[in-house]
Amino acid sequence: MKQSIITAFLGRTQDRFSEYQKPTELRERLSIVKQIKGVTGIEIVYPYETGEAVETKELMKEMGLEFAAVNANIKKEAKWVPGALSRPDPTLRADAVTMIKKAKDYAKAVGAPLVTCCPLSDGFDNLFQVDYPKAWKYMIDAVAEAADYMPEMPLFIEYKINETRVNCHLDTCAKTIVFLKEVQNSATGITIDFGHSLLAKENPAQVLALCEQSGIDYYLHTNDNDWQFDWDLIGASRNFLHTVEFFFYAKEFGYDKYFTADASPRIFDMVGFFNEHAEMNLAIWHLVESLDRDKYRKMMHEEKHMELMKLVRKEIYRL
């Protein structure tokens, strides 16, 4: 199991009410990562914390860390706050595509394996606000162009049901699969955020299976929440069995990319928070490795439901 952290959470964050933690520069953020047991990689946000590619690559080498991904941020700038890839203005869309292309260039320069992008500002707040078929087509064409550029650098799209829009256009895994089928580029995939899946009232483990059966690649973000808001809590702190099942299928399907912490310490000690998150993930991963997965799946096929619940109680909950 390879674990990484989105470095943007290793500095100051804020919501509508408060600011949390102190500002940090990239070197300090990487120094914090080095204090987290079992974490060997980072997802870095382009272009707001990346620095020059040569310098960042050298710094990563100095720290002995790897890139899990480069995150192309197309929602921060004022012009994209109302949306980026789905807007009627072709210049706005083109600028967003250019940002993703530049993120790909950067990822190649620093040796990152993939680019991920979460188009959170693309959606709607009011009914009768957007022309749905045109917005959908604009997004397909924009992502297709970004994916066609440097296809050896895969582009992963992250979905979320809401925030910053009341309704994001890409709000579920199934819809994102349909979207990528329209994009028609094998060098694409879905960034599956455990907490985003919960917010969409999905079963995260089933989401992995949907991607597997649909031939869609995926990259995983770990965290937890209360199914009501994207709190980005320590993994399995609220939804233990869902996390176990999520990891069960990740192991079953041979997932070998990074498990990236998309989690926010906010009021908590930063190093302690991420240490507990990483330790929890690793403990659950070892638990999954100890299970006879063939036995579990055979019993599923045989519909031995109560025997399965007994196994869950004894081998997972250990009660």
Protein backbone atom coordinates (compact mmCIF):
# COMPACT_ATOMS: atom_id res chain seq x y z
CA MET A 1 0.00 0.00 0.00
CA LYS A 2 1.43 3.37 -1.07
CA GLN A 3 0.15 6.44 0.74
CA SER A 4 0.42 10.12 -0.13
CA ILE A 5 -1.02 13.47 0.95
CA ILE A 6 -2.42 16.44 -0.94
CA THR A 7 0.09 19.08 0.10
CA ALA A 8 -2.45 21.92 0.04
CA PHE A 9 -3.76 20.57 3.37
CA LEU A 10 -0.33 21.00 4.97
CA GLY A 11 -0.70 24.75 5.32
CA ARG A 12 -3.39 27.33 5.98
CA THR A 13 -6.92 26.39 4.96
CA GLN A 14 -10.15 28.27 5.44
CA ASP A 15 -13.91 28.02 5.22
CA ARG A 16 -16.59 30.72 5.36
CA PHE A 17 -16.03 31.24 9.08
CA SER A 18 -12.43 30.59 10.08
CA GLU A 19 -8.84 30.09 9.05
CA TYR A 20 -6.97 26.99 10.20
CA GLN A 21 -3.28 26.20 10.67
CA LYS A 22 -0.40 28.46 9.69
CA PRO A 23 0.84 29.33 6.19
CA THR A 24 3.65 27.13 4.89
CA GLU A 25 5.87 27.00 1.82
CA LEU A 26 6.46 23.85 -0.21
CA ARG A 27 9.72 22.86 1.52
CA GLU A 28 8.04 23.05 4.91
CA ARG A 29 5.08 21.04 3.62
CA LEU A 30 7.39 18.32 2.37
CA SER A 31 9.19 18.33 5.72
CA ILE A 32 5.83 17.68 7.38
CA VAL A 33 5.20 14.76 5.00
CA LYS A 34 8.51 13.26 6.10
CA GLN A 35 7.15 13.15 9.66
CA ILE A 36 4.16 11.01 8.66
CA LYS A 37 4.97 7.33 9.06
CA GLY A 38 4.23 5.29 5.97
CA VAL A 39 3.64 8.26 3.64
CA THR A 40 6.02 8.39 0.69
CA GLY A 41 4.23 10.55 -1.87
CA ILE A 42 2.39 13.79 -2.52
CA GLU A 43 -0.30 15.21 -4.77
CA ILE A 44 0.68 18.78 -5.55
CA VAL A 45 -1.68 21.52 -6.74
CA TYR A 46 -0.74 23.20 -10.02
CA PRO A 47 0.07 26.03 -10.44
CA TYR A 48 -0.44 27.53 -6.99
CA GLU A 49 2.15 25.63 -4.96
CA THR A 50 4.33 23.92 -7.52
CA GLY A 51 7.21 26.29 -8.19
CA GLU A 52 9.60 25.70 -11.09
CA ALA A 53 9.65 22.10 -12.25
CA VAL A 54 13.44 21.66 -12.03
CA GLU A 55 13.59 23.06 -8.50
CA THR A 56 10.59 21.06 -7.30
CA LYS A 57 11.92 17.83 -8.78
CA GLU A 58 15.25 18.41 -7.04
CA LEU A 59 13.50 19.20 -3.75
CA MET A 60 11.46 16.00 -4.00
CA LYS A 61 14.64 14.03 -4.64
CA GLU A 62 16.29 15.67 -1.64
CA MET A 63 13.31 14.74 0.55
CA GLY A 64 13.12 11.19 -0.81
CA LEU A 65 9.48 11.56 -1.87
CA GLU A 66 7.52 10.59 -4.97
CA PHE A 67 4.69 12.23 -6.87
CA ALA A 68 1.31 10.52 -6.66
CA ALA A 69 -0.28 13.09 -8.96
CA VAL A 70 -0.38 16.70 -10.09
CA ASN A 71 -3.72 18.38 -9.36
CA ALA A 72 -4.81 20.87 -12.04
CA ASN A 73 -6.79 23.58 -10.25
CA ILE A 74 -9.29 25.20 -12.63
CA LYS A 75 -11.57 26.74 -10.01
CA LYS A 76 -9.42 29.19 -8.04
CA GLU A 77 -9.12 32.14 -10.42
CA ALA A 78 -11.93 34.69 -10.34
CA LYS A 79 -12.86 34.12 -13.99
CA TRP A 80 -13.53 30.42 -13.27
CA VAL A 81 -15.45 30.77 -10.01
CA PRO A 82 -18.80 30.46 -11.90
CA GLY A 83 -17.44 27.55 -13.96
CA ALA A 84 -14.61 26.69 -16.33
CA LEU A 85 -15.15 23.76 -18.73
CA SER A 86 -18.90 24.18 -19.22
CA ARG A 87 -19.19 27.96 -19.72
CA PRO A 88 -20.68 29.42 -22.92
CA ASP A 89 -17.64 31.67 -23.43
CA PRO A 90 -15.15 29.66 -25.56
CA THR A 91 -12.22 31.74 -24.30
CA LEU A 92 -12.90 30.76 -20.70
CA ARG A 93 -13.11 27.10 -21.69
CA ALA A 94 -9.95 27.32 -23.76
CA ASP A 95 -8.04 28.92 -20.88
CA ALA A 96 -9.12 26.09 -18.56
CA VAL A 97 -8.02 23.48 -21.10
CA THR A 98 -4.68 25.27 -21.39
CA MET A 99 -4.28 25.09 -17.62
CA ILE A 100 -4.79 21.32 -17.70
CA LYS A 101 -2.33 20.98 -20.57
CA LYS A 102 0.26 22.98 -18.64
CA ALA A 103 -0.34 20.74 -15.63
CA LYS A 104 0.43 17.79 -17.89
CA ASP A 105 3.64 19.47 -19.03
CA TYR A 106 4.58 20.05 -15.41
CA ALA A 107 3.75 16.47 -14.42
CA LYS A 108 5.97 15.13 -17.17
CA ALA A 109 8.80 17.46 -16.19
CA VAL A 110 8.77 16.39 -12.53
CA GLY A 111 8.09 12.71 -13.21
CA ALA A 112 4.53 12.49 -11.87
CA PRO A 113 2.45 9.54 -13.16
CA LEU A 114 -0.87 11.33 -13.74
CA VAL A 115 -2.84 14.57 -13.63
CA THR A 116 -6.12 14.85 -11.74
CA CYS A 117 -8.70 17.60 -12.07
CA CYS A 118 -11.87 18.27 -10.09
CA PRO A 119 -14.17 20.70 -11.98
CA LEU A 120 -16.09 21.74 -8.87
CA SER A 121 -17.19 25.12 -10.21
CA ASP A 122 -18.85 23.57 -13.23
CA GLY A 123 -22.51 23.14 -12.37
CA PHE A 124 -25.49 25.25 -11.36
CA ASP A 125 -27.09 26.88 -8.33
CA ASN A 126 -30.46 27.85 -9.81
CA LEU A 127 -32.88 26.05 -12.08
CA PHE A 128 -33.03 27.61 -15.56
CA GLN A 129 -29.44 28.82 -14.99
CA VAL A 130 -27.59 26.76 -17.59
CA ASP A 131 -28.39 25.08 -20.89
CA TYR A 132 -27.79 21.47 -19.81
CA PRO A 133 -27.08 19.82 -23.18
CA LYS A 134 -24.74 22.60 -24.27
CA ALA A 135 -22.91 22.61 -20.93
CA TRP A 136 -22.48 18.82 -21.15
CA LYS A 137 -21.16 19.05 -24.71
CA TYR A 138 -18.79 21.88 -23.81
CA MET A 139 -17.32 19.79 -20.98
CA ILE A 140 -16.94 16.70 -23.17
CA ASP A 141 -15.13 18.67 -25.87
CA ALA A 142 -12.89 20.45 -23.35
CA VAL A 143 -11.82 17.30 -21.52
CA ALA A 144 -11.37 15.48 -24.83
CA GLU A 145 -8.97 18.18 -26.00
CA ALA A 146 -7.05 18.10 -22.72
CA ALA A 147 -6.88 14.29 -22.81
CA ASP A 148 -5.69 14.22 -26.43
CA TYR A 149 -2.78 16.46 -25.50
CA MET A 150 0.20 14.37 -24.40
CA PRO A 151 -1.85 11.14 -24.06
CA GLU A 152 1.04 9.39 -22.32
CA MET A 153 0.14 11.53 -19.29
CA PRO A 154 -3.30 10.23 -18.19
CA LEU A 155 -5.97 12.65 -17.05
CA PHE A 156 -8.24 11.69 -14.16
CA ILE A 157 -11.50 13.53 -13.47
CA GLU A 158 -12.83 13.82 -9.91
CA TYR A 159 -16.55 14.07 -9.29
CA LYS A 160 -18.49 15.57 -6.39
CA ILE A 161 -22.19 16.06 -5.83
CA ASN A 162 -21.90 19.73 -4.81
CA GLU A 163 -19.59 22.51 -3.58
CA THR A 164 -18.74 24.94 -4.97
CA ARG A 165 -21.95 24.69 -7.01
CA VAL A 166 -25.22 23.54 -5.44
CA ASN A 167 -25.21 20.89 -8.18
CA CYS A 168 -21.97 19.91 -9.92
CA HIS A 169 -22.36 18.61 -13.46
CA LEU A 170 -20.19 15.59 -12.63
CA ASP A 171 -21.85 14.52 -9.38
CA THR A 172 -21.69 10.71 -9.37
CA CYS A 173 -19.37 7.96 -10.53
CA ALA A 174 -21.92 6.56 -12.97
CA LYS A 175 -22.41 9.95 -14.62
CA THR A 176 -18.64 10.43 -14.82
CA ILE A 177 -18.29 7.02 -16.49
CA VAL A 178 -20.89 8.07 -19.07
CA PHE A 179 -19.01 11.35 -19.50
CA LEU A 180 -15.66 9.63 -20.14
CA LYS A 181 -17.29 7.19 -22.56
CA GLU A 182 -18.29 10.30 -24.54
CA VAL A 183 -14.76 11.73 -24.26
CA GLN A 184 -13.52 8.51 -25.93
CA ASN A 185 -9.92 8.58 -24.76
CA SER A 186 -8.37 5.59 -23.00
CA ALA A 187 -5.81 7.89 -21.33
CA THR A 188 -8.47 9.09 -18.89
CA GLY A 189 -9.85 7.84 -15.59
CA ILE A 190 -11.83 8.80 -12.51
CA THR A 191 -10.45 10.12 -9.24
CA ILE A 192 -12.62 8.38 -6.68
CA ASP A 193 -12.76 10.33 -3.43
CA PHE A 194 -14.18 8.11 -0.65
CA GLY A 195 -16.00 11.02 0.97
CA HIS A 196 -17.42 12.31 -2.31
CA SER A 197 -18.85 8.87 -2.94
CA LEU A 198 -20.57 8.94 0.45
CA LEU A 199 -22.03 12.38 -0.26
CA ALA A 200 -23.50 11.05 -3.50
CA LYS A 201 -25.12 8.25 -1.45
CA GLU A 202 -22.99 5.71 -3.28
CA ASN A 203 -21.27 2.65 -1.87
CA PRO A 204 -17.55 3.38 -2.43
CA ALA A 205 -16.69 -0.30 -2.92
CA GLN A 206 -19.38 -0.66 -5.56
CA VAL A 207 -18.00 2.42 -7.29
CA LEU A 208 -14.67 0.60 -7.74
CA ALA A 209 -16.55 -2.33 -9.24
CA LEU A 210 -18.42 -0.01 -11.64
CA CYS A 211 -15.13 1.36 -12.93
CA GLU A 212 -13.61 -2.11 -13.23
CA GLN A 213 -16.57 -3.48 -15.14
CA SER A 214 -16.71 -0.39 -17.36
CA GLY A 215 -13.01 -0.49 -18.21
CA ILE A 216 -12.36 2.89 -16.57
CA ASP A 217 -9.09 3.49 -14.73
CA TYR A 218 -9.20 5.10 -11.29
CA TYR A 219 -7.09 6.87 -8.67
CA LEU A 220 -8.14 6.93 -5.01
CA HIS A 221 -8.52 9.65 -2.38
CA THR A 222 -9.03 8.61 1.25
CA ASN A 223 -10.92 10.41 4.03
CA ASP A 224 -14.27 10.13 5.83
CA ASN A 225 -17.40 12.15 6.63
CA ASP A 226 -20.92 11.95 8.05
CA TRP A 227 -22.67 11.52 4.64
CA GLN A 228 -23.92 15.14 4.97
CA PHE A 229 -20.87 17.33 4.32
CA ASP A 230 -17.36 16.91 2.94
CA TRP A 231 -15.61 17.09 6.31
CA ASP A 232 -12.43 15.30 5.12
CA LEU A 233 -12.03 13.44 8.41
CA ILE A 234 -9.51 10.74 9.33
CA GLY A 235 -10.21 7.63 7.29
CA ALA A 236 -12.60 5.09 8.86
CA SER A 237 -13.27 7.37 11.82
CA ARG A 238 -16.98 7.37 10.90
CA ASN A 239 -17.44 4.61 8.32
CA PHE A 240 -15.22 1.71 9.30
CA LEU A 241 -16.93 -1.17 7.46
CA HIS A 242 -17.38 0.89 4.29
CA THR A 243 -13.63 1.57 4.36
CA VAL A 244 -12.84 -2.10 4.88
CA GLU A 245 -15.02 -3.07 1.91
CA PHE A 246 -13.49 -0.26 -0.18
CA PHE A 247 -10.00 -1.57 0.52
CA PHE A 248 -11.18 -5.18 0.05
CA TYR A 249 -12.10 -4.46 -3.56
CA ALA A 250 -9.08 -2.24 -4.17
CA LYS A 251 -6.94 -5.20 -3.13
CA GLU A 252 -9.07 -7.63 -5.12
CA PHE A 253 -8.76 -5.53 -8.28
CA GLY A 254 -4.98 -5.10 -7.90
CA TYR A 255 -4.98 -1.34 -7.33
CA ASP A 256 -1.35 -0.20 -7.32
CA LYS A 257 -1.45 3.60 -7.44
CA TYR A 258 -1.22 5.81 -4.38
CA PHE A 259 -3.95 6.07 -1.76
CA THR A 260 -3.90 9.84 -1.36
CA ALA A 261 -5.14 11.57 1.78
CA ASP A 262 -7.65 14.24 0.80
CA ALA A 263 -8.20 15.09 4.44
CA SER A 264 -8.10 18.31 6.44
CA PRO A 265 -6.78 18.59 10.02
CA ARG A 266 -8.43 21.98 10.61
CA ILE A 267 -8.41 22.35 14.45
CA PHE A 268 -6.25 19.26 15.08
CA ASP A 269 -2.51 18.77 15.37
CA MET A 270 -1.44 18.37 11.76
CA VAL A 271 1.24 15.70 12.16
CA GLY A 272 -0.87 13.72 14.61
CA PHE A 273 -3.90 13.90 12.32
CA PHE A 274 -2.11 12.56 9.26
CA ASN A 275 -0.20 9.95 11.26
CA GLU A 276 -3.50 8.56 12.54
CA HIS A 277 -4.99 8.65 9.06
CA ALA A 278 -2.04 6.76 7.58
CA GLU A 279 -1.91 4.26 10.44
CA MET A 280 -5.65 3.60 10.16
CA ASN A 281 -5.39 3.01 6.42
CA LEU A 282 -2.45 0.66 6.82
CA ALA A 283 -4.10 -1.29 9.64
CA ILE A 284 -7.23 -1.80 7.54
CA TRP A 285 -5.12 -2.76 4.53
CA HIS A 286 -3.36 -5.43 6.61
CA LEU A 287 -6.75 -6.59 7.88
CA VAL A 288 -7.98 -6.97 4.30
CA GLU A 289 -4.83 -8.87 3.39
CA SER A 290 -5.58 -11.34 6.20
CA LEU A 291 -9.04 -12.14 4.83
CA ASP A 292 -9.72 -15.07 2.51
CA ARG A 293 -11.19 -12.92 -0.25
CA ASP A 294 -11.94 -15.91 -2.47
CA LYS A 295 -13.98 -17.39 0.38
CA TYR A 296 -15.92 -14.16 0.85
CA ARG A 297 -16.73 -13.84 -2.84
CA LYS A 298 -17.66 -17.51 -3.13
CA MET A 299 -20.10 -17.10 -0.24
CA MET A 300 -21.52 -14.00 -1.95
CA HIS A 301 -22.13 -16.07 -5.07
CA GLU A 302 -23.77 -18.78 -2.99
CA GLU A 303 -25.88 -16.14 -1.21
CA LYS A 304 -24.82 -17.29 2.25
CA HIS A 305 -25.74 -13.94 3.72
CA MET A 306 -25.84 -14.73 7.42
CA GLU A 307 -22.65 -16.77 7.24
CA LEU A 308 -21.03 -13.73 5.64
CA MET A 309 -22.31 -11.53 8.47
CA LYS A 310 -20.82 -13.95 10.94
CA LEU A 311 -17.47 -13.69 9.17
CA VAL A 312 -17.72 -9.89 9.18
CA ARG A 313 -18.44 -9.92 12.91
CA LYS A 314 -15.64 -12.34 13.76
CA GLU A 315 -12.91 -11.48 11.25
CA ILE A 316 -13.46 -7.75 10.67
CA TYR A 317 -15.10 -6.41 13.81
CA ARG A 318 -13.47 -9.22 15.81
CA LEU A 319 -16.43 -9.52 18.15
